[in-house]
């Protein structure tokens, strides 16, 4: 479709395409319209003027032609497990549209126009509800991570199951998540154009788990996990700023710093004991140093994984991320087993298999909650909230095997709980006032004569 009109003595030739609009200017005097070119637009009162799209229909037009919808449509995989859903949906739309008349469409358009004020007024409440669900899932992931630490320690102490073997079993069982992706009609390996970045994310996440679980052979599980979380939080804040240009607020930075200080206090007793028990044993020293290095390296890989998924949050779903982490873990974990020459131990009792099953459930729940939170929150905030796993693991370990914690451990865990609690309170409590202010601004916009 082409149209021309006079603009300051110039002729403007416009070509309108479903996706592009091009304009060409030419100085031709006198003005002479070309044959076959439409030069008249319907005016108010003319025939065909009411057929022009209204402002209410512009939102649906924008949604139909947006890049986001094209990306979601391209992400769908033609090979589905239970048939194609696109055909069923289109068939339903055709049958529904055949039974309805034009009056129904006019009523729908009119109803959408009336509901603009209600949608704007309820936007603040919807945002608050989504934030609450995100933080509930994130705190649930921290609880699952704490249970995961205790279950890994019990499997190692009571059933002599190696940490890397547990990680391999986790990865193999989590491969079942591909059934969910096939049922939804999604490509398990991600959308085209983002598969390389998704592969890098899976490798970084799996390498982090391999390094973290390998460090448990050289240092205690509590110390290795604490070091891992401390390095992940600090490096996630740095890498998010360098790679994604996402900055932390002043309050968030102070809260995260307080949590890191608490993690450092939890590590102090172990450092002092390692220096006083065997100061001249070089083998034990280098063994511990290798374990601490693996924990710090695991934090670096995990920070890269969190930042990587943060950059893919609008392109890759949580299920696809879980499957990617699972199949990359199935490849890297056996290589770590062969490299470290960790002994192979097979569970021989029903209680051992029950413990492994509980470990898999906790790992899946923790991954889903943490990965979903990355779509809305800063990676450093996600990692800092997971520091709550350290106090949870300490309480659960005290319930299983009573022991007296040291004073630095108590103070450090208390600082972690307070920092995470303050972080959640700052994110959720002011939202009521913020939602009220947003609603007043929306009402002011709606009442304004200029729209």
Protein backbone atom coordinates (compact mmCIF):
# COMPACT_ATOMS: atom_id res chain seq x y z
CA UNK A 1 0.00 0.00 0.00
CA UNK A 2 1.36 3.39 -0.97
CA UNK A 3 0.23 6.91 -0.15
CA UNK A 4 1.52 10.37 -1.08
CA UNK A 5 0.84 13.85 0.22
CA UNK A 6 2.40 17.32 0.10
CA UNK A 7 4.79 18.24 2.90
CA UNK A 8 6.56 21.61 2.60
CA UNK A 9 6.77 21.53 -1.18
CA UNK A 10 8.11 17.99 -1.23
CA UNK A 11 6.42 14.82 -2.22
CA UNK A 12 6.63 12.06 0.37
CA UNK A 13 6.25 8.51 -0.85
CA UNK A 14 5.54 6.02 1.90
CA UNK A 15 5.60 2.26 1.62
CA UNK A 16 3.92 0.40 4.45
CA UNK A 17 4.94 -3.21 5.14
CA UNK A 18 3.75 -5.47 7.99
CA UNK A 19 7.16 -5.08 9.66
CA UNK A 20 8.85 -2.04 8.09
CA UNK A 21 7.92 1.47 6.98
CA UNK A 22 10.10 3.23 4.40
CA UNK A 23 9.77 6.81 3.19
CA UNK A 24 11.27 8.43 0.11
CA UNK A 25 11.32 12.17 -0.51
CA UNK A 26 11.45 13.83 -3.92
CA UNK A 27 11.18 17.48 -4.95
CA UNK A 28 8.83 17.57 -7.92
CA UNK A 29 6.92 20.71 -8.85
CA UNK A 30 4.18 20.97 -9.76
CA UNK A 31 2.68 18.11 -7.80
CA UNK A 32 1.19 15.38 -9.98
CA UNK A 33 -0.08 12.20 -8.36
CA UNK A 34 0.96 8.99 -9.99
CA UNK A 35 -1.68 6.63 -11.32
CA UNK A 36 -2.64 3.83 -8.99
CA UNK A 37 -1.41 5.70 -5.89
CA UNK A 38 -4.01 6.45 -3.21
CA UNK A 39 -3.92 10.08 -2.22
CA UNK A 40 -7.07 10.34 -0.10
CA UNK A 41 -7.57 9.27 3.50
CA UNK A 42 -11.06 8.88 5.00
CA UNK A 43 -12.08 11.90 7.04
CA UNK A 44 -14.67 12.07 9.86
CA UNK A 45 -18.10 11.60 8.27
CA UNK A 46 -16.82 9.89 5.13
CA UNK A 47 -17.64 6.33 4.22
CA UNK A 48 -15.12 3.88 5.58
CA UNK A 49 -13.84 6.17 8.33
CA UNK A 50 -15.25 3.96 11.11
CA UNK A 51 -13.39 0.95 9.68
CA UNK A 52 -10.04 2.43 10.71
CA UNK A 53 -8.44 0.73 13.74
CA UNK A 54 -9.20 2.47 17.00
CA UNK A 55 -6.78 3.24 19.81
CA UNK A 56 -8.13 0.32 21.85
CA UNK A 57 -7.20 -2.07 19.04
CA UNK A 58 -3.65 -0.74 18.91
CA UNK A 59 -2.62 -2.75 21.96
CA UNK A 60 -3.74 -6.03 20.40
CA UNK A 61 -2.05 -5.05 17.12
CA UNK A 62 1.18 -4.35 18.98
CA UNK A 63 0.96 -7.66 20.79
CA UNK A 64 0.34 -9.57 17.57
CA UNK A 65 3.29 -7.95 15.76
CA UNK A 66 5.74 -7.70 18.66
CA UNK A 67 9.13 -9.38 18.65
CA UNK A 68 8.35 -11.11 21.94
CA UNK A 69 5.51 -13.08 20.40
CA UNK A 70 7.63 -14.04 17.41
CA UNK A 71 10.35 -15.26 19.78
CA UNK A 72 7.91 -17.36 21.78
CA UNK A 73 6.45 -18.80 18.59
CA UNK A 74 9.92 -19.66 17.28
CA UNK A 75 10.76 -21.26 20.60
CA UNK A 76 8.04 -23.87 20.19
CA UNK A 77 9.24 -27.22 18.95
CA UNK A 78 7.25 -29.06 16.28
CA UNK A 79 7.94 -32.48 17.86
CA UNK A 80 5.62 -32.78 20.83
CA UNK A 81 5.05 -35.78 23.02
CA UNK A 82 1.26 -35.69 22.94
CA UNK A 83 0.64 -34.03 19.57
CA UNK A 84 0.82 -30.45 18.38
CA UNK A 85 -0.90 -27.91 20.56
CA UNK A 86 -0.82 -25.18 17.91
CA UNK A 87 -3.26 -27.06 15.72
CA UNK A 88 -5.66 -27.62 18.57
CA UNK A 89 -5.52 -23.96 19.56
CA UNK A 90 -6.09 -22.72 16.02
CA UNK A 91 -8.98 -25.16 15.59
CA UNK A 92 -10.61 -23.89 18.75
CA UNK A 93 -10.19 -20.32 17.63
CA UNK A 94 -11.77 -21.07 14.26
CA UNK A 95 -14.75 -22.83 15.74
CA UNK A 96 -15.27 -20.11 18.30
CA UNK A 97 -14.94 -17.37 15.71
CA UNK A 98 -17.43 -19.06 13.40
CA UNK A 99 -20.09 -19.16 16.07
CA UNK A 100 -19.70 -15.52 17.13
CA UNK A 101 -20.79 -12.47 15.19
CA UNK A 102 -19.32 -9.08 14.76
CA UNK A 103 -21.30 -7.81 17.76
CA UNK A 104 -19.22 -9.97 20.07
CA UNK A 105 -16.02 -8.47 18.72
CA UNK A 106 -17.37 -4.97 19.17
CA UNK A 107 -18.37 -5.75 22.76
CA UNK A 108 -14.90 -7.16 23.45
CA UNK A 109 -13.24 -4.06 22.07
CA UNK A 110 -15.55 -1.87 24.08
CA UNK A 111 -14.91 -3.91 27.21
CA UNK A 112 -11.16 -3.63 26.73
CA UNK A 113 -11.51 0.13 26.56
CA UNK A 114 -13.49 0.21 29.78
CA UNK A 115 -10.99 -2.02 31.59
CA UNK A 116 -7.96 0.20 31.05
CA UNK A 117 -8.48 2.08 34.30
CA UNK A 118 -8.98 -1.11 36.29
CA UNK A 119 -5.86 -2.67 34.77
CA UNK A 120 -3.77 0.36 35.61
CA UNK A 121 -5.19 0.54 39.11
CA UNK A 122 -4.45 -3.14 39.80
CA UNK A 123 -0.93 -3.06 38.34
CA UNK A 124 0.66 -2.20 41.68
CA UNK A 125 -1.16 -5.02 43.49
CA UNK A 126 -0.15 -7.54 40.80
CA UNK A 127 3.49 -6.48 41.05
CA UNK A 128 3.42 -6.83 44.84
CA UNK A 129 1.86 -10.29 44.60
CA UNK A 130 4.47 -11.44 42.08
CA UNK A 131 7.27 -10.12 44.29
CA UNK A 132 5.90 -11.96 47.31
CA UNK A 133 5.67 -15.22 45.39
CA UNK A 134 9.21 -14.74 44.12
CA UNK A 135 10.62 -14.20 47.61
CA UNK A 136 8.63 -17.10 49.04
CA UNK A 137 10.09 -19.37 46.36
CA UNK A 138 13.56 -17.97 46.99
CA UNK A 139 13.38 -18.57 50.75
CA UNK A 140 12.01 -22.04 50.06
CA UNK A 141 15.03 -22.67 47.83
CA UNK A 142 17.33 -21.62 50.68
CA UNK A 143 15.55 -24.07 53.00
CA UNK A 144 15.94 -26.83 50.40
CA UNK A 145 19.64 -25.99 50.03
CA UNK A 146 20.08 -26.31 53.80
CA UNK A 147 18.42 -29.73 53.75
CA UNK A 148 20.65 -30.67 50.82
CA UNK A 149 23.79 -29.93 52.85
CA UNK A 150 22.64 -32.11 55.75
CA UNK A 151 21.53 -34.97 53.48
CA UNK A 152 24.86 -34.95 51.66
CA UNK A 153 26.72 -35.11 54.97
CA UNK A 154 24.53 -37.98 56.22
CA UNK A 155 25.00 -39.92 52.98
CA UNK A 156 28.77 -39.55 53.29
CA UNK A 157 29.03 -40.40 57.00
CA UNK A 158 26.47 -43.19 57.38
CA UNK A 159 26.35 -44.84 53.94
CA UNK A 160 29.84 -43.99 52.60
CA UNK A 161 28.42 -42.42 49.44
CA UNK A 162 30.81 -40.07 47.69
CA UNK A 163 29.65 -36.51 46.94
CA UNK A 164 30.36 -36.81 43.21
CA UNK A 165 28.39 -40.04 43.05
CA UNK A 166 25.42 -38.25 44.62
CA UNK A 167 25.80 -35.45 42.07
CA UNK A 168 25.82 -37.98 39.23
CA UNK A 169 22.63 -39.63 40.49
CA UNK A 170 21.01 -36.19 40.79
CA UNK A 171 21.90 -35.32 37.21
CA UNK A 172 20.62 -38.63 35.81
CA UNK A 173 17.28 -38.41 37.62
CA UNK A 174 16.80 -34.77 36.64
CA UNK A 175 16.95 -35.80 32.98
CA UNK A 176 13.30 -36.75 33.38
CA UNK A 177 12.51 -33.04 33.15
CA UNK A 178 12.69 -33.42 29.36
CA UNK A 179 9.19 -34.93 29.48
CA UNK A 180 7.77 -31.60 30.66
CA UNK A 181 9.48 -29.76 27.81
CA UNK A 182 8.22 -32.24 25.21
CA UNK A 183 4.71 -31.97 26.61
CA UNK A 184 4.81 -28.18 26.30
CA UNK A 185 6.19 -28.40 22.77
CA UNK A 186 9.49 -26.67 23.58
CA UNK A 187 12.90 -27.52 22.24
CA UNK A 188 14.90 -29.06 25.12
CA UNK A 189 18.08 -27.45 23.81
CA UNK A 190 16.65 -23.94 23.77
CA UNK A 191 15.55 -21.57 20.99
CA UNK A 192 17.65 -21.03 17.92
CA UNK A 193 20.23 -18.30 18.27
CA UNK A 194 20.65 -18.81 22.02
CA UNK A 195 21.78 -22.43 22.24
CA UNK A 196 25.48 -21.62 22.50
CA UNK A 197 24.87 -19.23 25.40
CA UNK A 198 22.59 -21.80 27.02
CA UNK A 199 25.32 -24.43 26.65
CA UNK A 200 27.85 -22.12 28.30
CA UNK A 201 25.38 -21.58 31.16
CA UNK A 202 24.94 -25.32 31.65
CA UNK A 203 28.68 -25.98 31.58
CA UNK A 204 29.36 -23.20 34.09
CA UNK A 205 26.64 -24.46 36.46
CA UNK A 206 27.78 -28.08 36.21
CA UNK A 207 31.43 -27.13 36.70
CA UNK A 208 30.45 -25.20 39.81
CA UNK A 209 28.68 -28.22 41.27
CA UNK A 210 31.58 -30.52 40.37
CA UNK A 211 34.10 -28.22 42.05
CA UNK A 212 31.90 -27.74 45.12
CA UNK A 213 31.24 -31.45 45.62
CA UNK A 214 34.89 -32.31 44.93
CA UNK A 215 35.98 -29.87 47.64
CA UNK A 216 33.98 -31.86 50.20
CA UNK A 217 36.62 -34.59 49.92
CA UNK A 218 39.30 -32.22 51.24
CA UNK A 219 37.39 -29.92 53.63
CA UNK A 220 34.31 -30.36 55.79
CA UNK A 221 30.90 -29.92 54.11
CA UNK A 222 30.00 -26.89 56.22
CA UNK A 223 33.22 -25.05 55.44
CA UNK A 224 33.13 -25.88 51.74
CA UNK A 225 29.52 -24.71 51.39
CA UNK A 226 30.19 -21.49 53.31
CA UNK A 227 33.19 -20.63 51.15
CA UNK A 228 31.24 -21.46 48.00
CA UNK A 229 28.34 -19.18 48.98
CA UNK A 230 30.62 -16.33 50.04
CA UNK A 231 32.53 -16.39 46.75
CA UNK A 232 29.34 -16.72 44.71
CA UNK A 233 27.69 -13.68 46.30
CA UNK A 234 30.72 -11.41 46.04
CA UNK A 235 31.56 -12.43 42.47
CA UNK A 236 27.93 -12.30 41.30
CA UNK A 237 27.70 -8.64 42.34
CA UNK A 238 30.94 -7.87 40.50
CA UNK A 239 30.19 -9.82 37.32
CA UNK A 240 26.63 -8.49 37.07
CA UNK A 241 28.02 -4.96 37.11
CA UNK A 242 30.78 -5.71 34.60
CA UNK A 243 28.84 -7.90 32.17
CA UNK A 244 25.22 -6.77 32.52
CA UNK A 245 25.72 -3.26 33.95
CA UNK A 246 23.29 -4.05 36.77
CA UNK A 247 24.05 -2.13 39.92
CA UNK A 248 23.02 -2.66 43.50
CA UNK A 249 21.36 0.00 45.60
CA UNK A 250 23.01 1.39 48.69
CA UNK A 251 20.75 -0.52 51.08
CA UNK A 252 21.18 -3.75 49.12
CA UNK A 253 24.96 -3.35 49.11
CA UNK A 254 25.11 -2.77 52.87
CA UNK A 255 22.84 -5.76 53.52
CA UNK A 256 24.90 -8.06 51.31
CA UNK A 257 28.12 -6.85 52.97
CA UNK A 258 26.65 -7.68 56.40
CA UNK A 259 25.78 -11.18 55.18
CA UNK A 260 29.29 -11.68 53.83
CA UNK A 261 30.72 -10.67 57.19
CA UNK A 262 28.51 -13.27 58.82
CA UNK A 263 29.80 -15.94 56.43
CA UNK A 264 33.35 -14.90 57.29
CA UNK A 265 32.65 -15.31 61.01
CA UNK A 266 31.33 -18.81 60.40
CA UNK A 267 34.64 -19.70 58.75
CA UNK A 268 36.90 -18.24 61.48
CA UNK A 269 36.89 -21.20 63.91
CA UNK A 270 37.87 -23.65 61.21
CA UNK A 271 40.82 -21.53 60.10
CA UNK A 272 42.13 -21.22 63.65
CA UNK A 273 41.75 -24.95 64.31
CA UNK A 274 43.53 -25.89 61.10
CA UNK A 275 46.48 -23.66 62.03
CA UNK A 276 46.82 -24.89 65.62
CA UNK A 277 46.21 -28.62 65.25
CA UNK A 278 48.90 -29.47 62.71
CA UNK A 279 51.02 -26.44 61.87
CA UNK A 280 53.93 -28.56 60.55
CA UNK A 281 51.97 -31.11 58.50
CA UNK A 282 52.56 -29.97 54.93
CA UNK A 283 50.35 -32.69 53.40
CA UNK A 284 47.33 -31.61 55.45
CA UNK A 285 48.05 -27.96 54.69
CA UNK A 286 48.15 -28.41 50.93
CA UNK A 287 45.19 -30.75 51.03
CA UNK A 288 43.13 -28.10 52.82
CA UNK A 289 44.43 -25.37 50.52
CA UNK A 290 43.32 -27.40 47.50
CA UNK A 291 39.87 -27.84 49.03
CA UNK A 292 39.50 -24.12 49.73
CA UNK A 293 40.63 -23.33 46.17
CA UNK A 294 38.04 -25.69 44.72
CA UNK A 295 35.32 -24.02 46.81
CA UNK A 296 36.34 -20.56 45.62
CA UNK A 297 36.49 -21.79 42.01
CA UNK A 298 33.01 -23.24 42.42
CA UNK A 299 31.82 -19.80 43.52
CA UNK A 300 33.31 -18.23 40.39
CA UNK A 301 31.60 -20.72 38.08
CA UNK A 302 28.29 -20.34 39.92
CA UNK A 303 28.46 -16.54 39.67
CA UNK A 304 29.05 -16.85 35.91
CA UNK A 305 26.09 -19.23 35.67
CA UNK A 306 23.76 -16.87 37.55
CA UNK A 307 24.76 -13.91 35.42
CA UNK A 308 24.47 -16.04 32.27
CA UNK A 309 20.92 -17.09 33.01
CA UNK A 310 20.07 -13.52 33.99
CA UNK A 311 20.95 -12.50 30.43
CA UNK A 312 18.75 -15.32 29.04
CA UNK A 313 15.78 -14.84 31.36
CA UNK A 314 13.40 -13.75 28.57
CA UNK A 315 14.50 -16.43 26.11
CA UNK A 316 14.98 -19.60 28.18
CA UNK A 317 12.48 -21.10 30.60
CA UNK A 318 13.23 -22.69 33.95
CA UNK A 319 12.49 -26.20 32.63
CA UNK A 320 14.94 -25.80 29.76
CA UNK A 321 17.59 -24.56 32.19
CA UNK A 322 17.04 -27.59 34.45
CA UNK A 323 17.41 -30.01 31.55
CA UNK A 324 20.56 -28.22 30.35
CA UNK A 325 22.15 -28.42 33.79
CA UNK A 326 21.18 -32.11 34.01
CA UNK A 327 22.67 -33.34 30.75
CA UNK A 328 25.83 -31.27 31.12
CA UNK A 329 26.19 -32.64 34.66
CA UNK A 330 25.91 -36.18 33.31
CA UNK A 331 28.92 -35.46 31.10
CA UNK A 332 31.14 -33.53 33.51
CA UNK A 333 30.54 -35.51 36.71
CA UNK A 334 32.03 -38.81 35.42
CA UNK A 335 35.04 -36.85 34.17
CA UNK A 336 35.49 -35.38 37.67
CA UNK A 337 35.16 -38.86 39.18
CA UNK A 338 37.90 -40.19 36.91
CA UNK A 339 40.12 -37.16 37.49
CA UNK A 340 39.96 -37.28 41.29
CA UNK A 341 39.80 -41.10 41.37
CA UNK A 342 36.99 -41.07 43.87
CA UNK A 343 35.91 -44.53 44.96
CA UNK A 344 32.64 -45.89 43.60
CA UNK A 345 30.13 -46.82 46.29
CA UNK A 346 26.69 -48.21 45.49
CA UNK A 347 23.80 -47.84 48.00
CA UNK A 348 22.81 -51.23 49.35
CA UNK A 349 19.82 -50.42 51.58
CA UNK A 350 16.35 -48.97 51.14
CA UNK A 351 17.13 -46.16 53.57
CA UNK A 352 20.10 -45.11 51.44
CA UNK A 353 17.95 -44.96 48.31
CA UNK A 354 15.30 -43.02 50.24
CA UNK A 355 17.95 -40.52 51.28
CA UNK A 356 19.09 -40.16 47.67
CA UNK A 357 15.50 -39.61 46.55
CA UNK A 358 15.03 -36.89 49.17
CA UNK A 359 18.29 -35.33 48.03
CA UNK A 360 17.06 -35.21 44.42
CA UNK A 361 13.74 -33.64 45.44
CA UNK A 362 15.50 -30.95 47.48
CA UNK A 363 17.93 -30.18 44.66
CA UNK A 364 15.13 -29.77 42.10
CA UNK A 365 13.09 -27.55 44.43
CA UNK A 366 16.13 -25.39 45.21
CA UNK A 367 17.03 -25.03 41.54
CA UNK A 368 13.51 -24.07 40.46
CA UNK A 369 13.09 -21.46 43.19
CA UNK A 370 16.47 -19.88 42.64
CA UNK A 371 16.27 -19.87 38.83
CA UNK A 372 12.77 -18.39 38.81
CA UNK A 373 13.93 -15.61 41.11
CA UNK A 374 16.69 -14.72 38.63
CA UNK A 375 14.04 -13.53 36.18
CA UNK A 376 13.10 -10.69 38.58
CA UNK A 377 16.00 -10.10 40.98
CA UNK A 378 19.67 -9.19 40.82
CA UNK A 379 22.00 -12.26 40.82
CA UNK A 380 23.79 -11.01 43.95
CA UNK A 381 20.47 -10.69 45.80
CA UNK A 382 19.54 -14.23 44.79
CA UNK A 383 22.86 -15.61 46.01
CA UNK A 384 22.77 -13.54 49.22
CA UNK A 385 19.33 -14.87 50.09
CA UNK A 386 20.63 -18.41 49.62
CA UNK A 387 23.13 -17.74 52.43
CA UNK A 388 20.23 -18.65 54.71
CA UNK A 389 21.12 -22.27 53.94
CA UNK A 390 24.04 -22.05 56.38
CA UNK A 391 21.91 -21.37 59.53
CA UNK A 392 19.32 -23.90 58.34
CA UNK A 393 21.98 -26.56 57.87
CA UNK A 394 23.46 -25.80 61.30
CA UNK A 395 20.09 -26.19 63.03
CA UNK A 396 19.29 -29.41 61.19
CA UNK A 397 22.74 -30.81 61.93
CA UNK A 398 22.32 -29.99 65.62
CA UNK A 399 19.01 -31.87 65.58
CA UNK A 400 20.61 -34.94 63.98
CA UNK A 401 23.92 -34.99 65.90
CA UNK A 402 23.95 -32.68 68.95
CA UNK A 403 27.08 -30.57 69.25
CA UNK A 404 27.95 -27.22 70.80
CA UNK A 405 28.58 -24.46 68.22
CA UNK A 406 31.26 -21.90 68.84
CA UNK A 407 30.57 -18.24 69.55
CA UNK A 408 31.74 -16.98 66.12
CA UNK A 409 29.46 -19.51 64.44
CA UNK A 410 26.46 -18.33 66.44
CA UNK A 411 27.18 -14.65 65.78
CA UNK A 412 27.86 -15.29 62.08
CA UNK A 413 24.66 -17.27 61.57
CA UNK A 414 22.70 -14.60 63.44
CA UNK A 415 24.11 -11.91 61.12
CA UNK A 416 23.13 -13.98 58.10
CA UNK A 417 19.56 -14.39 59.32
CA UNK A 418 19.24 -10.69 60.13
CA UNK A 419 20.68 -9.59 56.78
CA UNK A 420 18.38 -11.85 54.76
CA UNK A 421 15.38 -10.86 56.90
CA UNK A 422 16.15 -7.18 56.47
CA UNK A 423 16.59 -7.67 52.74
CA UNK A 424 13.19 -9.34 52.40
CA UNK A 425 11.54 -6.70 54.58
CA UNK A 426 12.99 -3.85 52.53
CA UNK A 427 11.76 -5.44 49.31
CA UNK A 428 8.24 -6.30 50.45
CA UNK A 429 7.10 -3.99 53.24
CA UNK A 430 7.40 -0.66 51.37
CA UNK A 431 5.50 -2.15 48.46
CA UNK A 432 2.16 -1.29 50.06
CA UNK A 433 2.93 2.41 50.07
CA UNK A 434 4.52 2.13 46.65
CA UNK A 435 1.41 0.46 45.27
CA UNK A 436 -0.77 3.20 46.78
CA UNK A 437 1.40 5.91 45.19
CA UNK A 438 1.27 4.13 41.84
CA UNK A 439 -2.50 3.92 42.04
CA UNK A 440 -2.78 7.65 42.79
CA UNK A 441 -0.52 8.41 39.82
CA UNK A 442 -2.66 6.25 37.55
CA UNK A 443 -5.85 7.94 38.72
CA UNK A 444 -4.27 11.34 38.11
CA UNK A 445 -3.34 10.31 34.59
CA UNK A 446 -6.83 8.99 33.89
CA UNK A 447 -8.49 12.17 35.20
CA UNK A 448 -6.17 14.43 33.27
CA UNK A 449 -7.61 16.10 30.13
CA UNK A 450 -4.37 15.31 28.28
CA UNK A 451 -4.03 11.61 27.48
